[in-house]
C-alpha atoms as a PDB file:
ATOM      1  CA  MET A   1    -103.242 124.627 -95.441  1.00  0.00           C
ATOM      2  CA  LEU A   2    -105.053 125.934 -98.192  1.00  0.00           C
ATOM      3  CA  ILE A   3    -103.037 125.449-101.037  1.00  0.00           C
ATOM      4  CA  PHE A   4    -101.926 122.109 -99.414  1.00  0.00           C
ATOM      5  CA  LEU A   5    -105.907 121.324-100.072  1.00  0.00           C
ATOM      6  CA  ILE A   6    -105.641 122.883-103.671  1.00  0.00           C
ATOM      7  CA  THR A   7    -103.064 120.568-104.829  1.00  0.00           C
ATOM      8  CA  LEU A   8    -104.354 118.108-103.541  1.00  0.00           C
ATOM      9  CA  LEU A   9    -108.057 118.634-105.234  1.00  0.00           C
ATOM     10  CA  THR A  10    -105.977 119.635-108.508  1.00  0.00           C
ATOM     11  CA  ILE A  11    -103.778 116.395-107.932  1.00  0.00           C
ATOM     12  CA  GLY A  12    -107.180 114.410-107.671  1.00  0.00           C
ATOM     13  CA  PHE A  13    -109.318 116.032-111.000  1.00  0.00           C
ATOM     14  CA  GLY A  14    -105.858 115.507-112.810  1.00  0.00           C
ATOM     15  CA  ALA A  15    -105.990 111.524-112.083  1.00  0.00           C
ATOM     16  CA  TYR A  16    -109.452 111.408-112.336  1.00  0.00           C
ATOM     17  CA  PHE A  17    -109.811 112.924-116.002  1.00  0.00           C
ATOM     18  CA  PHE A  18    -106.483 110.380-116.733  1.00  0.00           C
ATOM     19  CA  LEU A  19    -108.151 107.713-115.632  1.00  0.00           C
ATOM     20  CA  LYS A  20    -111.426 108.265-117.207  1.00  0.00           C
ATOM     21  CA  HIS A  21    -109.811 109.309-120.797  1.00  0.00           C
ATOM     22  CA  ARG A  22    -107.595 105.949-120.327  1.00  0.00           C
ATOM     23  CA  TYR A  23    -110.514 103.859-119.772  1.00  0.00           C
ATOM     24  CA  THR A  24    -112.788 104.837-122.561  1.00  0.00           C
ATOM     25  CA  TYR A  25    -109.405 103.995-125.105  1.00  0.00           C
ATOM     26  CA  TRP A  26    -111.522 101.376-127.171  1.00  0.00           C
ATOM     27  CA  GLU A  27    -114.587 102.976-126.648  1.00  0.00           C
ATOM     28  CA  ARG A  28    -113.468 106.106-128.448  1.00  0.00           C
ATOM     29  CA  ARG A  29    -112.443 103.967-131.297  1.00  0.00           C
ATOM     30  CA  GLY A  30    -115.870 101.972-131.728  1.00  0.00           C
ATOM     31  CA  VAL A  31    -114.567  98.712-129.945  1.00  0.00           C
ATOM     32  CA  LYS A  32    -116.471  96.724-127.440  1.00  0.00           C
ATOM     33  CA  GLN A  33    -114.525  96.645-124.608  1.00  0.00           C
ATOM     34  CA  THR A  34    -114.691  94.932-120.982  1.00  0.00           C
ATOM     35  CA  ASP A  35    -116.061  96.662-117.821  1.00  0.00           C
ATOM     36  CA  ALA A  36    -112.679  97.372-116.417  1.00  0.00           C
ATOM     37  CA  LYS A  37    -111.685  98.527-112.845  1.00  0.00           C
ATOM     38  CA  TRP A  38    -109.793 102.011-112.354  1.00  0.00           C
ATOM     39  CA  ILE A  39    -106.224 101.829-111.638  1.00  0.00           C
ATOM     40  CA  PHE A  40    -106.741  97.707-112.033  1.00  0.00           C
ATOM     41  CA  GLY A  41    -108.005  97.145-115.067  1.00  0.00           C
ATOM     42  CA  ASP A  42    -109.164  93.397-116.175  1.00  0.00           C
ATOM     43  CA  THR A  43    -106.418  92.106-113.952  1.00  0.00           C
ATOM     44  CA  PHE A  44    -107.941  92.879-110.407  1.00  0.00           C
ATOM     45  CA  ARG A  45    -109.271  89.542-110.438  1.00  0.00           C
ATOM     46  CA  GLN A  46    -105.376  88.136-110.784  1.00  0.00           C
ATOM     47  CA  PHE A  47    -104.050  91.191-108.656  1.00  0.00           C
ATOM     48  CA  PHE A  48    -105.811  89.899-105.133  1.00  0.00           C
ATOM     49  CA  MET A  49    -105.164  86.063-106.848  1.00  0.00           C
ATOM     50  CA  ARG A  50    -108.313  85.639-107.312  1.00  0.00           C
ATOM     51  CA  GLU A  51    -107.635  83.784-111.085  1.00  0.00           C
ATOM     52  CA  THR A  52    -104.941  83.007-112.685  1.00  0.00           C
ATOM     53  CA  ALA A  53    -103.733  84.697-116.137  1.00  0.00           C
ATOM     54  CA  ALA A  54    -105.189  81.605-117.907  1.00  0.00           C
ATOM     55  CA  ASP A  55    -108.828  82.172-116.407  1.00  0.00           C
ATOM     56  CA  GLN A  56    -108.426  85.870-116.975  1.00  0.00           C
ATOM     57  CA  MET A  57    -108.224  85.475-120.848  1.00  0.00           C
ATOM     58  CA  LYS A  58    -110.775  82.612-120.606  1.00  0.00           C
ATOM     59  CA  ARG A  59    -113.189  84.996-119.007  1.00  0.00           C
ATOM     60  CA  LEU A  60    -112.320  87.796-121.641  1.00  0.00           C
ATOM     61  CA  HIS A  61    -112.497  85.881-124.391  1.00  0.00           C
ATOM     62  CA  ASP A  62    -116.128  84.870-123.603  1.00  0.00           C
ATOM     63  CA  LEU A  63    -117.634  88.039-122.648  1.00  0.00           C
ATOM     64  CA  TYR A  64    -118.361  88.874-125.755  1.00  0.00           C
ATOM     65  CA  PRO A  65    -118.582  85.356-127.960  1.00  0.00           C
ATOM     66  CA  ASN A  66    -120.244  86.971-131.145  1.00  0.00           C
ATOM     67  CA  ASP A  67    -117.672  89.475-131.500  1.00  0.00           C
ATOM     68  CA  ARG A  68    -114.325  89.241-134.270  1.00  0.00           C
ATOM     69  CA  TYR A  69    -112.213  91.740-131.691  1.00  0.00           C
ATOM     70  CA  THR A  70    -112.881  93.078-127.988  1.00  0.00           C
ATOM     71  CA  GLY A  71    -110.823  95.769-126.063  1.00  0.00           C
ATOM     72  CA  GLY A  72    -109.491  95.664-122.222  1.00  0.00           C
ATOM     73  CA  TYR A  73    -106.864  96.711-120.108  1.00  0.00           C
ATOM     74  CA  GLN A  74    -104.009  95.133-118.361  1.00  0.00           C
ATOM     75  CA  MET A  75    -103.988  97.858-115.224  1.00  0.00           C
ATOM     76  CA  VAL A  76    -103.850 101.380-117.469  1.00  0.00           C
ATOM     77  CA  VAL A  77    -102.709  99.554-120.971  1.00  0.00           C
ATOM     78  CA  PRO A  78    -105.450  99.172-123.579  1.00  0.00           C
ATOM     79  CA  THR A  79    -104.608  95.785-125.153  1.00  0.00           C
ATOM     80  CA  PHE A  80    -106.973  94.367-127.520  1.00  0.00           C
ATOM     81  CA  MET A  81    -107.882  90.740-127.995  1.00  0.00           C
ATOM     82  CA  VAL A  82    -108.840  88.746-131.022  1.00  0.00           C
ATOM     83  CA  ARG A  83    -111.149  86.012-131.220  1.00  0.00           C
ATOM     84  CA  ASP A  84    -111.463  85.684-135.379  1.00  0.00           C
ATOM     85  CA  PRO A  85    -109.383  82.714-136.243  1.00  0.00           C
ATOM     86  CA  ASP A  86    -109.707  84.368-140.406  1.00  0.00           C
ATOM     87  CA  LEU A  87    -108.553  87.615-138.458  1.00  0.00           C
ATOM     88  CA  ILE A  88    -105.775  86.138-136.380  1.00  0.00           C
ATOM     89  CA  LYS A  89    -104.643  84.461-139.811  1.00  0.00           C
ATOM     90  CA  SER A  90    -104.549  87.791-141.626  1.00  0.00           C
ATOM     91  CA  ILE A  91    -102.897  89.839-138.642  1.00  0.00           C
ATOM     92  CA  CYS A  92    -100.175  87.162-138.183  1.00  0.00           C
ATOM     93  CA  VAL A  93     -99.098  86.239-141.571  1.00  0.00           C
ATOM     94  CA  LYS A  94    -100.462  89.152-144.068  1.00  0.00           C
ATOM     95  CA  ASP A  95     -99.719  92.117-141.728  1.00  0.00           C
ATOM     96  CA  PHE A  96     -97.441  90.923-139.138  1.00  0.00           C
ATOM     97  CA  ASP A  97     -95.045  93.606-139.820  1.00  0.00           C
ATOM     98  CA  HIS A  98     -97.792  96.251-138.777  1.00  0.00           C
ATOM     99  CA  PHE A  99     -97.637  94.605-134.966  1.00  0.00           C
ATOM    100  CA  SER A 100     -94.136  95.079-134.870  1.00  0.00           C
ATOM    101  CA  ASN A 101     -93.983  96.746-131.380  1.00  0.00           C
ATOM    102  CA  HIS A 102     -95.408  94.394-128.183  1.00  0.00           C
ATOM    103  CA  ARG A 103     -94.105  94.524-124.750  1.00  0.00           C
ATOM    104  CA  THR A 104     -91.094  92.048-123.759  1.00  0.00           C
ATOM    105  CA  PHE A 105     -91.692  89.142-121.481  1.00  0.00           C
ATOM    106  CA  VAL A 106     -87.555  88.549-120.905  1.00  0.00           C
ATOM    107  CA  PRO A 107     -84.999  90.780-121.168  1.00  0.00           C
ATOM    108  CA  GLU A 108     -82.992  90.000-124.561  1.00  0.00           C
ATOM    109  CA  ASP A 109     -79.720  90.114-122.864  1.00  0.00           C
ATOM    110  CA  VAL A 110     -81.375  86.747-120.715  1.00  0.00           C
ATOM    111  CA  ASP A 111     -82.611  85.082-123.491  1.00  0.00           C
ATOM    112  CA  PRO A 112     -81.446  86.497-127.570  1.00  0.00           C
ATOM    113  CA  LEU A 113     -83.234  83.649-128.988  1.00  0.00           C
ATOM    114  CA  PHE A 114     -86.694  84.195-127.567  1.00  0.00           C
ATOM    115  CA  ALA A 115     -85.533  88.053-128.524  1.00  0.00           C
ATOM    116  CA  LYS A 116     -85.159  87.408-131.897  1.00  0.00           C
ATOM    117  CA  ASN A 117     -88.818  85.771-132.103  1.00  0.00           C
ATOM    118  CA  LEU A 118     -91.882  86.853-134.255  1.00  0.00           C
ATOM    119  CA  PHE A 119     -93.807  88.562-131.368  1.00  0.00           C
ATOM    120  CA  ALA A 120     -90.956  90.049-129.593  1.00  0.00           C
ATOM    121  CA  LEU A 121     -90.082  92.181-132.553  1.00  0.00           C
ATOM    122  CA  LYS A 122     -89.751  96.014-131.746  1.00  0.00           C
ATOM    123  CA  GLY A 123     -89.584  98.443-134.551  1.00  0.00           C
ATOM    124  CA  LYS A 124     -89.534  99.081-137.673  1.00  0.00           C
ATOM    125  CA  VAL A 125     -89.466  95.229-139.224  1.00  0.00           C
ATOM    126  CA  SER A 126     -87.403  95.332-142.285  1.00  0.00           C
ATOM    127  CA  PHE A 127     -87.131  92.145-144.735  1.00  0.00           C
END
């Protein structure tokens, strides 16, 4: 019984410190971040069907109206939201090869055309 309690406490403390470290990702980098709920991140309302994905993005966009960019979390994954049109242009036109590893929404074998899209690039880009 004692070993079970020690194991349970160890797992609990490990999970606490993992999540604490994960949810301070943007704070450690000096980026204003949202007030994310543990485990759910900013998708808490979306997970429980209180808002749509579009409403969530609008809410996060309006959270810091005077900043060029902010940080947030989709579950435990840190996400970066760029708000400034000039910064978006710079990223999408000049520096797009530095942002090549995006999460895929559709597997490559299902839609090979979308897999070749600029926003679905994987790995190093070479031209």
